Each structure stands twice: as C-alpha cells, then as structure tokens.
C-alpha atoms as a PDB file:
ATOM      1  CA  MET A   1       0.000   0.000   0.000  1.00  0.00           C
ATOM      2  CA  ALA A   2       1.286   3.466  -0.896  1.00  0.00           C
ATOM      3  CA  GLU A   3       2.570   5.693   1.873  1.00  0.00           C
ATOM      4  CA  LEU A   4       0.590   8.665   3.111  1.00  0.00           C
ATOM      5  CA  LEU A   5       1.643  12.288   2.819  1.00  0.00           C
ATOM      6  CA  LEU A   6       0.692  14.560   5.708  1.00  0.00           C
ATOM      7  CA  THR A   7       0.050  18.180   4.696  1.00  0.00           C
ATOM      8  CA  ILE A   8      -0.223  20.968   7.262  1.00  0.00           C
ATOM      9  CA  ASP A   9      -1.599  24.449   6.546  1.00  0.00           C
ATOM     10  CA  VAL A  10      -1.070  26.779   9.510  1.00  0.00           C
ATOM     11  CA  GLY A  11      -3.264  29.872   9.384  1.00  0.00           C
ATOM     12  CA  ASN A  12      -3.845  32.586  11.942  1.00  0.00           C
ATOM     13  CA  THR A  13      -7.263  31.189  12.906  1.00  0.00           C
ATOM     14  CA  ASN A  14      -7.218  27.522  11.870  1.00  0.00           C
ATOM     15  CA  THR A  15      -4.612  24.842  11.270  1.00  0.00           C
ATOM     16  CA  VAL A  16      -5.649  22.218   8.736  1.00  0.00           C
ATOM     17  CA  PHE A  17      -4.093  18.763   8.454  1.00  0.00           C
ATOM     18  CA  GLY A  18      -4.598  16.415   5.518  1.00  0.00           C
ATOM     19  CA  ALA A  19      -3.542  12.823   4.867  1.00  0.00           C
ATOM     20  CA  HIS A  20      -3.095  12.017   1.165  1.00  0.00           C
ATOM     21  CA  ARG A  21      -2.666   8.670  -0.533  1.00  0.00           C
ATOM     22  CA  GLY A  22      -1.623   9.694  -4.003  1.00  0.00           C
ATOM     23  CA  GLU A  23      -4.209  12.170  -5.287  1.00  0.00           C
ATOM     24  CA  GLU A  24      -6.828  11.010  -2.768  1.00  0.00           C
ATOM     25  CA  LEU A  25      -7.347  13.122   0.356  1.00  0.00           C
ATOM     26  CA  ARG A  26      -7.735  10.188   2.734  1.00  0.00           C
ATOM     27  CA  ALA A  27      -8.641  12.287   5.809  1.00  0.00           C
ATOM     28  CA  HIS A  28      -8.579  15.902   6.935  1.00  0.00           C
ATOM     29  CA  TRP A  29      -8.887  17.807  10.183  1.00  0.00           C
ATOM     30  CA  ARG A  30      -9.436  21.513  10.946  1.00  0.00           C
ATOM     31  CA  LEU A  31      -8.143  22.709  14.340  1.00  0.00           C
ATOM     32  CA  THR A  32      -8.005  26.054  16.119  1.00  0.00           C
ATOM     33  CA  THR A  33      -4.539  27.597  15.808  1.00  0.00           C
ATOM     34  CA  ARG A  34      -2.999  27.907  19.270  1.00  0.00           C
ATOM     35  CA  ARG A  35       0.336  29.675  19.329  1.00  0.00           C
ATOM     36  CA  GLU A  36       1.200  28.322  22.776  1.00  0.00           C
ATOM     37  CA  GLN A  37       0.819  24.656  21.731  1.00  0.00           C
ATOM     38  CA  THR A  38       3.991  22.565  22.052  1.00  0.00           C
ATOM     39  CA  ALA A  39       5.339  19.857  19.773  1.00  0.00           C
ATOM     40  CA  ASP A  40       4.460  17.224  22.377  1.00  0.00           C
ATOM     41  CA  GLU A  41       0.880  18.505  22.626  1.00  0.00           C
ATOM     42  CA  TYR A  42       0.551  18.433  18.848  1.00  0.00           C
ATOM     43  CA  GLY A  43       2.060  14.949  18.856  1.00  0.00           C
ATOM     44  CA  VAL A  44      -0.614  13.610  21.213  1.00  0.00           C
ATOM     45  CA  LEU A  45      -3.333  15.408  19.245  1.00  0.00           C
ATOM     46  CA  VAL A  46      -2.195  14.160  15.848  1.00  0.00           C
ATOM     47  CA  ARG A  47      -1.854  10.574  17.055  1.00  0.00           C
ATOM     48  CA  ASN A  48      -5.425  10.713  18.407  1.00  0.00           C
ATOM     49  CA  LEU A  49      -6.699  12.103  15.108  1.00  0.00           C
ATOM     50  CA  PHE A  50      -4.876   9.351  13.232  1.00  0.00           C
ATOM     51  CA  ALA A  51      -6.335   6.680  15.529  1.00  0.00           C
ATOM     52  CA  ASN A  52      -9.878   7.983  15.048  1.00  0.00           C
ATOM     53  CA  SER A  53      -9.402   7.822  11.274  1.00  0.00           C
ATOM     54  CA  GLY A  54      -7.756   4.395  11.247  1.00  0.00           C
ATOM     55  CA  ILE A  55      -4.331   5.737  10.228  1.00  0.00           C
ATOM     56  CA  ASP A  56      -1.104   4.207  11.514  1.00  0.00           C
ATOM     57  CA  PRO A  57       1.598   6.896  12.023  1.00  0.00           C
ATOM     58  CA  ALA A  58       4.043   4.473  10.387  1.00  0.00           C
ATOM     59  CA  GLU A  59       2.100   4.949   7.128  1.00  0.00           C
ATOM     60  CA  ILE A  60       3.241   8.591   6.911  1.00  0.00           C
ATOM     61  CA  GLY A  61       6.010   8.756   4.329  1.00  0.00           C
ATOM     62  CA  GLY A  62       6.471  12.529   4.169  1.00  0.00           C
ATOM     63  CA  VAL A  63       5.247  15.859   5.509  1.00  0.00           C
ATOM     64  CA  ALA A  64       4.650  19.198   3.733  1.00  0.00           C
ATOM     65  CA  LEU A  65       4.069  22.372   5.727  1.00  0.00           C
ATOM     66  CA  ALA A  66       2.970  25.932   4.953  1.00  0.00           C
ATOM     67  CA  SER A  67       2.727  28.374   7.843  1.00  0.00           C
ATOM     68  CA  VAL A  68       1.902  32.056   8.260  1.00  0.00           C
ATOM     69  CA  VAL A  69       2.456  31.818  12.035  1.00  0.00           C
ATOM     70  CA  PRO A  70       6.257  31.831  12.527  1.00  0.00           C
ATOM     71  CA  PRO A  71       6.223  30.677  16.186  1.00  0.00           C
ATOM     72  CA  LEU A  72       4.397  27.509  15.169  1.00  0.00           C
ATOM     73  CA  THR A  73       6.586  26.657  12.188  1.00  0.00           C
ATOM     74  CA  SER A  74       9.410  25.353  14.350  1.00  0.00           C
ATOM     75  CA  VAL A  75       6.922  23.568  16.627  1.00  0.00           C
ATOM     76  CA  LEU A  76       5.420  21.632  13.718  1.00  0.00           C
ATOM     77  CA  VAL A  77       8.854  20.886  12.269  1.00  0.00           C
ATOM     78  CA  ALA A  78       9.672  19.329  15.661  1.00  0.00           C
ATOM     79  CA  LEU A  79       6.373  17.412  15.587  1.00  0.00           C
ATOM     80  CA  SER A  80       7.247  15.964  12.203  1.00  0.00           C
ATOM     81  CA  ARG A  81      10.734  14.919  13.235  1.00  0.00           C
ATOM     82  CA  GLN A  82       9.976  13.588  16.718  1.00  0.00           C
ATOM     83  CA  TYR A  83       6.606  11.907  16.184  1.00  0.00           C
ATOM     84  CA  LEU A  84       6.584  11.011  12.484  1.00  0.00           C
ATOM     85  CA  GLY A  85      10.283  10.561  11.739  1.00  0.00           C
ATOM     86  CA  HIS A  86      10.479  12.942   8.789  1.00  0.00           C
ATOM     87  CA  ASP A  87      12.068  16.275   8.015  1.00  0.00           C
ATOM     88  CA  PRO A  88       9.142  18.210   6.552  1.00  0.00           C
ATOM     89  CA  LEU A  89       9.167  20.188   3.338  1.00  0.00           C
ATOM     90  CA  VAL A  90       8.537  23.737   4.592  1.00  0.00           C
ATOM     91  CA  VAL A  91       7.250  25.966   1.798  1.00  0.00           C
ATOM     92  CA  ASP A  92       9.259  29.196   1.797  1.00  0.00           C
ATOM     93  CA  PRO A  93      10.910  31.385  -0.870  1.00  0.00           C
ATOM     94  CA  THR A  94      13.719  28.825  -1.317  1.00  0.00           C
ATOM     95  CA  VAL A  95      11.394  25.972  -2.315  1.00  0.00           C
ATOM     96  CA  ASP A  96      10.806  25.147  -5.968  1.00  0.00           C
ATOM     97  CA  THR A  97       7.062  25.633  -6.437  1.00  0.00           C
ATOM     98  CA  GLY A  98       7.222  25.774 -10.234  1.00  0.00           C
ATOM     99  CA  MET A  99       5.474  29.157 -10.178  1.00  0.00           C
ATOM    100  CA  PRO A 100       7.390  32.366 -11.024  1.00  0.00           C
ATOM    101  CA  VAL A 101       6.500  35.137  -8.558  1.00  0.00           C
ATOM    102  CA  LEU A 102       6.098  38.669  -9.934  1.00  0.00           C
ATOM    103  CA  TYR A 103       5.348  40.163  -6.497  1.00  0.00           C
ATOM    104  CA  GLU A 104       7.849  42.754  -5.223  1.00  0.00           C
ATOM    105  CA  PRO A 105       9.763  41.490  -3.333  1.00  0.00           C
ATOM    106  CA  PRO A 106       8.837  37.863  -4.063  1.00  0.00           C
ATOM    107  CA  GLY A 107       9.637  36.767  -0.509  1.00  0.00           C
ATOM    108  CA  ASP A 108       6.834  38.925   0.888  1.00  0.00           C
ATOM    109  CA  VAL A 109       4.121  36.621  -0.458  1.00  0.00           C
ATOM    110  CA  GLY A 110       2.661  34.342   2.203  1.00  0.00           C
ATOM    111  CA  ALA A 111       3.418  30.675   1.647  1.00  0.00           C
ATOM    112  CA  ASP A 112      -0.272  29.797   1.661  1.00  0.00           C
ATOM    113  CA  ARG A 113      -0.962  32.247  -1.179  1.00  0.00           C
ATOM    114  CA  ILE A 114       1.640  30.654  -3.454  1.00  0.00           C
ATOM    115  CA  VAL A 115       0.421  27.184  -2.504  1.00  0.00           C
ATOM    116  CA  ASN A 116      -3.157  28.167  -3.388  1.00  0.00           C
ATOM    117  CA  GLY A 117      -1.975  29.541  -6.715  1.00  0.00           C
ATOM    118  CA  VAL A 118      -0.142  26.325  -7.569  1.00  0.00           C
ATOM    119  CA  ALA A 119      -3.238  24.244  -6.805  1.00  0.00           C
ATOM    120  CA  ALA A 120      -5.641  26.522  -8.692  1.00  0.00           C
ATOM    121  CA  LEU A 121      -3.416  26.575 -11.781  1.00  0.00           C
ATOM    122  CA  ALA A 122      -3.127  22.776 -11.775  1.00  0.00           C
ATOM    123  CA  LEU A 123      -6.876  22.243 -11.308  1.00  0.00           C
ATOM    124  CA  PHE A 124      -8.350  25.038 -13.425  1.00  0.00           C
ATOM    125  CA  GLY A 125      -5.586  26.483 -15.598  1.00  0.00           C
ATOM    126  CA  GLY A 126      -4.769  30.163 -15.950  1.00  0.00           C
ATOM    127  CA  PRO A 127      -5.704  32.877 -15.637  1.00  0.00           C
ATOM    128  CA  VAL A 128      -7.342  32.152 -12.295  1.00  0.00           C
ATOM    129  CA  ILE A 129      -8.174  34.108  -9.149  1.00  0.00           C
ATOM    130  CA  VAL A 130      -8.160  32.457  -5.717  1.00  0.00           C
ATOM    131  CA  VAL A 131     -10.240  34.080  -2.982  1.00  0.00           C
ATOM    132  CA  ASP A 132      -9.199  32.713   0.420  1.00  0.00           C
ATOM    133  CA  PHE A 133     -11.631  33.558   3.224  1.00  0.00           C
ATOM    134  CA  GLY A 134      -9.422  33.378   6.297  1.00  0.00           C
ATOM    135  CA  THR A 135      -8.481  35.769   9.105  1.00  0.00           C
ATOM    136  CA  ALA A 136      -7.706  38.104   6.223  1.00  0.00           C
ATOM    137  CA  THR A 137      -9.422  37.606   2.885  1.00  0.00           C
ATOM    138  CA  THR A 138      -6.840  37.374   0.125  1.00  0.00           C
ATOM    139  CA  PHE A 139      -7.265  37.546  -3.640  1.00  0.00           C
ATOM    140  CA  ASP A 140      -4.451  35.901  -5.579  1.00  0.00           C
ATOM    141  CA  VAL A 141      -4.070  36.210  -9.341  1.00  0.00           C
ATOM    142  CA  VAL A 142      -2.270  33.653 -11.510  1.00  0.00           C
ATOM    143  CA  THR A 143      -1.677  34.550 -15.160  1.00  0.00           C
ATOM    144  CA  ARG A 144      -2.358  32.436 -18.246  1.00  0.00           C
ATOM    145  CA  ALA A 145       1.396  31.740 -18.333  1.00  0.00           C
ATOM    146  CA  GLY A 146       1.298  30.324 -14.773  1.00  0.00           C
ATOM    147  CA  GLU A 147       2.917  33.298 -13.009  1.00  0.00           C
ATOM    148  CA  TYR A 148       1.880  34.583  -9.604  1.00  0.00           C
ATOM    149  CA  LEU A 149       0.958  38.155 -10.526  1.00  0.00           C
ATOM    150  CA  GLY A 150      -0.149  39.586  -7.170  1.00  0.00           C
ATOM    151  CA  GLY A 151      -3.404  40.240  -5.422  1.00  0.00           C
ATOM    152  CA  VAL A 152      -5.437  42.014  -2.772  1.00  0.00           C
ATOM    153  CA  ILE A 153      -5.558  41.712   1.032  1.00  0.00           C
ATOM    154  CA  VAL A 154      -8.559  42.884   3.061  1.00  0.00           C
ATOM    155  CA  PRO A 155      -9.659  42.285   6.666  1.00  0.00           C
ATOM    156  CA  GLY A 156     -11.642  39.082   6.997  1.00  0.00           C
ATOM    157  CA  VAL A 157     -15.357  39.216   7.726  1.00  0.00           C
ATOM    158  CA  GLY A 158     -14.672  37.818  11.203  1.00  0.00           C
ATOM    159  CA  ILE A 159     -12.367  40.764  11.955  1.00  0.00           C
ATOM    160  CA  SER A 160     -15.117  43.140  10.837  1.00  0.00           C
ATOM    161  CA  ALA A 161     -17.641  41.438  13.123  1.00  0.00           C
ATOM    162  CA  ASP A 162     -15.231  41.568  16.073  1.00  0.00           C
ATOM    163  CA  ALA A 163     -14.477  45.245  15.440  1.00  0.00           C
ATOM    164  CA  LEU A 164     -18.190  46.155  15.621  1.00  0.00           C
ATOM    165  CA  PHE A 165     -18.555  44.288  18.906  1.00  0.00           C
ATOM    166  CA  GLN A 166     -15.379  45.707  20.460  1.00  0.00           C
ATOM    167  CA  ARG A 167     -15.662  49.317  19.313  1.00  0.00           C
ATOM    168  CA  ALA A 168     -19.422  49.943  19.638  1.00  0.00           C
ATOM    169  CA  ALA A 169     -20.569  49.609  23.245  1.00  0.00           C
ATOM    170  CA  ARG A 170     -24.188  48.695  22.508  1.00  0.00           C
ATOM    171  CA  LEU A 171     -23.658  46.271  19.634  1.00  0.00           C
ATOM    172  CA  PRO A 172     -23.558  42.531  20.385  1.00  0.00           C
ATOM    173  CA  ARG A 173     -21.320  39.864  18.912  1.00  0.00           C
ATOM    174  CA  VAL A 174     -23.191  38.181  16.045  1.00  0.00           C
ATOM    175  CA  GLU A 175     -22.795  35.121  13.846  1.00  0.00           C
ATOM    176  CA  VAL A 176     -21.796  35.860  10.254  1.00  0.00           C
ATOM    177  CA  ARG A 177     -24.600  34.390   8.135  1.00  0.00           C
ATOM    178  CA  ASN A 178     -27.235  35.316   5.595  1.00  0.00           C
ATOM    179  CA  PRO A 179     -30.082  36.855   7.638  1.00  0.00           C
ATOM    180  CA  GLY A 180     -32.578  36.268   4.844  1.00  0.00           C
ATOM    181  CA  ARG A 181     -33.259  39.941   4.090  1.00  0.00           C
ATOM    182  CA  VAL A 182     -31.183  43.061   3.509  1.00  0.00           C
ATOM    183  CA  VAL A 183     -33.347  45.407   5.587  1.00  0.00           C
ATOM    184  CA  GLY A 184     -32.792  44.250   9.151  1.00  0.00           C
ATOM    185  CA  ARG A 185     -35.684  44.520  11.599  1.00  0.00           C
ATOM    186  CA  SER A 186     -33.545  44.122  14.696  1.00  0.00           C
ATOM    187  CA  THR A 187     -30.053  45.146  15.744  1.00  0.00           C
ATOM    188  CA  VAL A 188     -28.734  41.623  15.210  1.00  0.00           C
ATOM    189  CA  GLY A 189     -30.480  41.360  11.822  1.00  0.00           C
ATOM    190  CA  SER A 190     -29.139  44.740  10.741  1.00  0.00           C
ATOM    191  CA  MET A 191     -25.590  43.796  11.737  1.00  0.00           C
ATOM    192  CA  GLN A 192     -25.798  40.438   9.991  1.00  0.00           C
ATOM    193  CA  SER A 193     -27.117  42.109   6.855  1.00  0.00           C
ATOM    194  CA  GLY A 194     -24.291  44.623   6.804  1.00  0.00           C
ATOM    195  CA  LEU A 195     -21.621  42.027   7.489  1.00  0.00           C
ATOM    196  CA  TYR A 196     -22.904  39.370   5.109  1.00  0.00           C
ATOM    197  CA  PHE A 197     -24.300  41.319   2.150  1.00  0.00           C
ATOM    198  CA  GLY A 198     -21.773  44.119   2.545  1.00  0.00           C
ATOM    199  CA  TYR A 199     -18.887  41.660   2.498  1.00  0.00           C
ATOM    200  CA  CYS A 200     -20.286  39.721  -0.464  1.00  0.00           C
ATOM    201  CA  GLY A 201     -20.721  42.988  -2.349  1.00  0.00           C
ATOM    202  CA  MET A 202     -17.150  44.057  -1.607  1.00  0.00           C
ATOM    203  CA  VAL A 203     -15.740  40.735  -2.833  1.00  0.00           C
ATOM    204  CA  GLU A 204     -17.843  40.867  -6.014  1.00  0.00           C
ATOM    205  CA  ALA A 205     -16.742  44.459  -6.714  1.00  0.00           C
ATOM    206  CA  LEU A 206     -13.050  43.644  -6.226  1.00  0.00           C
ATOM    207  CA  LEU A 207     -13.332  40.636  -8.532  1.00  0.00           C
ATOM    208  CA  ALA A 208     -14.904  42.860 -11.192  1.00  0.00           C
ATOM    209  CA  ARG A 209     -12.016  45.327 -10.902  1.00  0.00           C
ATOM    210  CA  ILE A 210      -9.423  42.546 -11.114  1.00  0.00           C
ATOM    211  CA  ARG A 211     -11.083  41.131 -14.221  1.00  0.00           C
ATOM    212  CA  GLY A 212     -11.111  44.643 -15.708  1.00  0.00           C
ATOM    213  CA  GLU A 213      -7.363  44.997 -15.184  1.00  0.00           C
ATOM    214  CA  LEU A 214      -6.643  41.562 -16.642  1.00  0.00           C
ATOM    215  CA  GLY A 215      -8.866  42.212 -19.654  1.00  0.00           C
ATOM    216  CA  GLU A 216      -9.672  38.559 -20.281  1.00  0.00           C
ATOM    217  CA  ARG A 217     -11.912  35.731 -19.094  1.00  0.00           C
ATOM    218  CA  VAL A 218     -10.693  34.433 -15.734  1.00  0.00           C
ATOM    219  CA  ARG A 219     -11.943  31.653 -13.476  1.00  0.00           C
ATOM    220  CA  VAL A 220     -12.541  32.299  -9.778  1.00  0.00           C
ATOM    221  CA  VAL A 221     -12.140  29.669  -7.056  1.00  0.00           C
ATOM    222  CA  ALA A 222     -12.794  30.197  -3.345  1.00  0.00           C
ATOM    223  CA  THR A 223     -11.314  28.445  -0.336  1.00  0.00           C
ATOM    224  CA  GLY A 224     -11.009  29.012   3.404  1.00  0.00           C
ATOM    225  CA  GLY A 225     -13.238  28.551   6.420  1.00  0.00           C
ATOM    226  CA  LEU A 226     -16.115  30.817   5.341  1.00  0.00           C
ATOM    227  CA  ALA A 227     -15.932  30.156   1.603  1.00  0.00           C
ATOM    228  CA  GLU A 228     -18.978  27.896   1.434  1.00  0.00           C
ATOM    229  CA  THR A 229     -21.058  30.316   3.533  1.00  0.00           C
ATOM    230  CA  LEU A 230     -20.292  33.454   1.513  1.00  0.00           C
ATOM    231  CA  ALA A 231     -19.840  32.096  -2.013  1.00  0.00           C
ATOM    232  CA  ARG A 232     -23.580  31.461  -2.437  1.00  0.00           C
ATOM    233  CA  ASP A 233     -24.122  35.214  -2.776  1.00  0.00           C
ATOM    234  CA  ILE A 234     -20.992  36.100  -4.759  1.00  0.00           C
ATOM    235  CA  PRO A 235     -21.893  35.421  -8.414  1.00  0.00           C
ATOM    236  CA  SER A 236     -18.328  35.565  -9.741  1.00  0.00           C
ATOM    237  CA  ILE A 237     -17.172  32.614  -7.618  1.00  0.00           C
ATOM    238  CA  GLU A 238     -17.480  29.516  -9.787  1.00  0.00           C
ATOM    239  CA  VAL A 239     -15.926  26.831  -7.576  1.00  0.00           C
ATOM    240  CA  VAL A 240     -15.524  26.347  -3.827  1.00  0.00           C
ATOM    241  CA  ASP A 241     -12.662  24.038  -2.820  1.00  0.00           C
ATOM    242  CA  PRO A 242     -12.163  23.909   0.981  1.00  0.00           C
ATOM    243  CA  TRP A 243      -9.003  21.804   0.614  1.00  0.00           C
ATOM    244  CA  LEU A 244      -7.269  23.816  -2.112  1.00  0.00           C
ATOM    245  CA  THR A 245      -4.245  24.620   0.077  1.00  0.00           C
ATOM    246  CA  LEU A 246      -3.741  20.969   0.990  1.00  0.00           C
ATOM    247  CA  THR A 247      -3.804  20.063  -2.708  1.00  0.00           C
ATOM    248  CA  GLY A 248      -1.176  22.723  -3.417  1.00  0.00           C
ATOM    249  CA  LEU A 249       1.051  21.382  -0.657  1.00  0.00           C
ATOM    250  CA  ARG A 250       0.770  17.888  -2.113  1.00  0.00           C
ATOM    251  CA  LEU A 251       1.686  19.122  -5.596  1.00  0.00           C
ATOM    252  CA  ILE A 252       4.712  21.083  -4.346  1.00  0.00           C
ATOM    253  CA  TYR A 253       5.889  18.124  -2.259  1.00  0.00           C
ATOM    254  CA  GLU A 254       5.631  15.794  -5.261  1.00  0.00           C
ATOM    255  CA  ARG A 255       7.521  18.263  -7.451  1.00  0.00           C
ATOM    256  CA  ASN A 256      10.387  18.506  -4.981  1.00  0.00           C
ATOM    257  CA  ARG A 257      10.498  14.790  -4.252  1.00  0.00           C
ATOM    258  CA  ARG A 258      11.129  14.071  -7.935  1.00  0.00           C
ATOM    259  CA  ARG A 259      14.197  16.319  -7.997  1.00  0.00           C
END
C-alpha cells in the first residue's frame, strides 16, 4: 500500500491537516490555531486524530508544511521529526514551487498564497483568481502563463464582526450568516445584513475590478473557512474548494520529491 503524505496548513485562525494517498485526500482535520501549543501537545493530538481515522503513524512517508504563524513553524517541524520521523518540506521562498513570482519582493508573499496559486493553476488552468476567506481575505491572481501576478488583502469578515462588537458599546457579537433579508428589523439582523451582504458585495466588486485589469476571461475559485457560507451570494465565484491549500502542498511536495 502506498505511503501517506501529511500536509499541514497553519493559518492565523485555523490549522488544517490532511492525509493524502496519491491524489486522494484520505482524511482531513481543521483545528483552532494555538500559538502556545507545544510539539508534544501536537504529537498527542495528531496521534489521536490518526487513531480515530484508522491511520497508523508508520504509514506517513512525508510531511509538507505551509505556515503564516512563525512561532508555530518550528513547533510543527519538531512534531514531524519527533513523532513522524520525517524532516518536513517547509514551503518558503527557497522551495521550488514551479510558479514564477512577480510580487515585489517575491519573498513577501505568504506561503499559503503561493500554494493556493499552484493548486488553482493545476486544477483550473490560468488565468485564475483564488479568494481565500481566512483571518484576512486574500485575492491571488495567476496569469495564463502560470505566473503569480499579485493580489489584494482585506480584513476578513470575522475581523469586521469583532471590530463592531469591540468598538461599539451597545452592539452585540453576532454570527456571520445570511439573515434572509437586507433590511434588518432588529439590531442583530441589521448587523448580519451589513456584514454578510456588505462583504459579499465588496468581494464581487473587487473581482470585477481585477477582471477589468486583466482584460480577459478568468476563473474564480474560493477556499477558506467561510468560503462555502459566503460564495452562495458572490456570483463571480465559480468553484468552492475547501481543501485547495492541501492540494497545493501535495503538488509542491511531489515536485520537490522528484528532484
């Protein structure tokens, strides 16, 4: 039986693990990112997740990691070495992703954004835009020639919701969801309308501007924790792929393993 590849995507809000057997995503887990977590704590956690999914740690033949939380990068490298017996492939500016980066300077692009671009190009071809709904919402543009062109970064909808709660004394914390109508008939309904429909409108408008600059037909794929919730009301989003980053990590790992 083929070995499994463990992919790890460390975001500011969530850390996502995936176990791949070839192109199949055998299992996946989404955890809250905790900066204070130690390698030993992650080791216990990962072994429990494996056990619940019927995975033997000895099946893991490699590990690929992308992290935007520097304190946790070294922790998860230690996890990989101590508990899985592998030096992980850590995606950084020195790794061969196969995607030229036109950003200035190239090293400023978050690893997850390049990984998403690699996956989107492989799955959908170029040009393609990836909208990643995370702590920040990022828009990443890959050209027809397969180059990472650049993108847009805006505060995530969760940050907007938290800011209303923290900065306005009489406004409650609300769930980000479609309230069913634009004109709210309560404070909670009004806030949900503004957050949900306002955010969807912003994303749609930015996509229209990006398409205008590119001047050609471009596909749009969404990923991230809130992608499935918001994409229903963003007409330009054609595909939602919650595991896009894990796919990109697998592709980059396979490219570097062949070298």
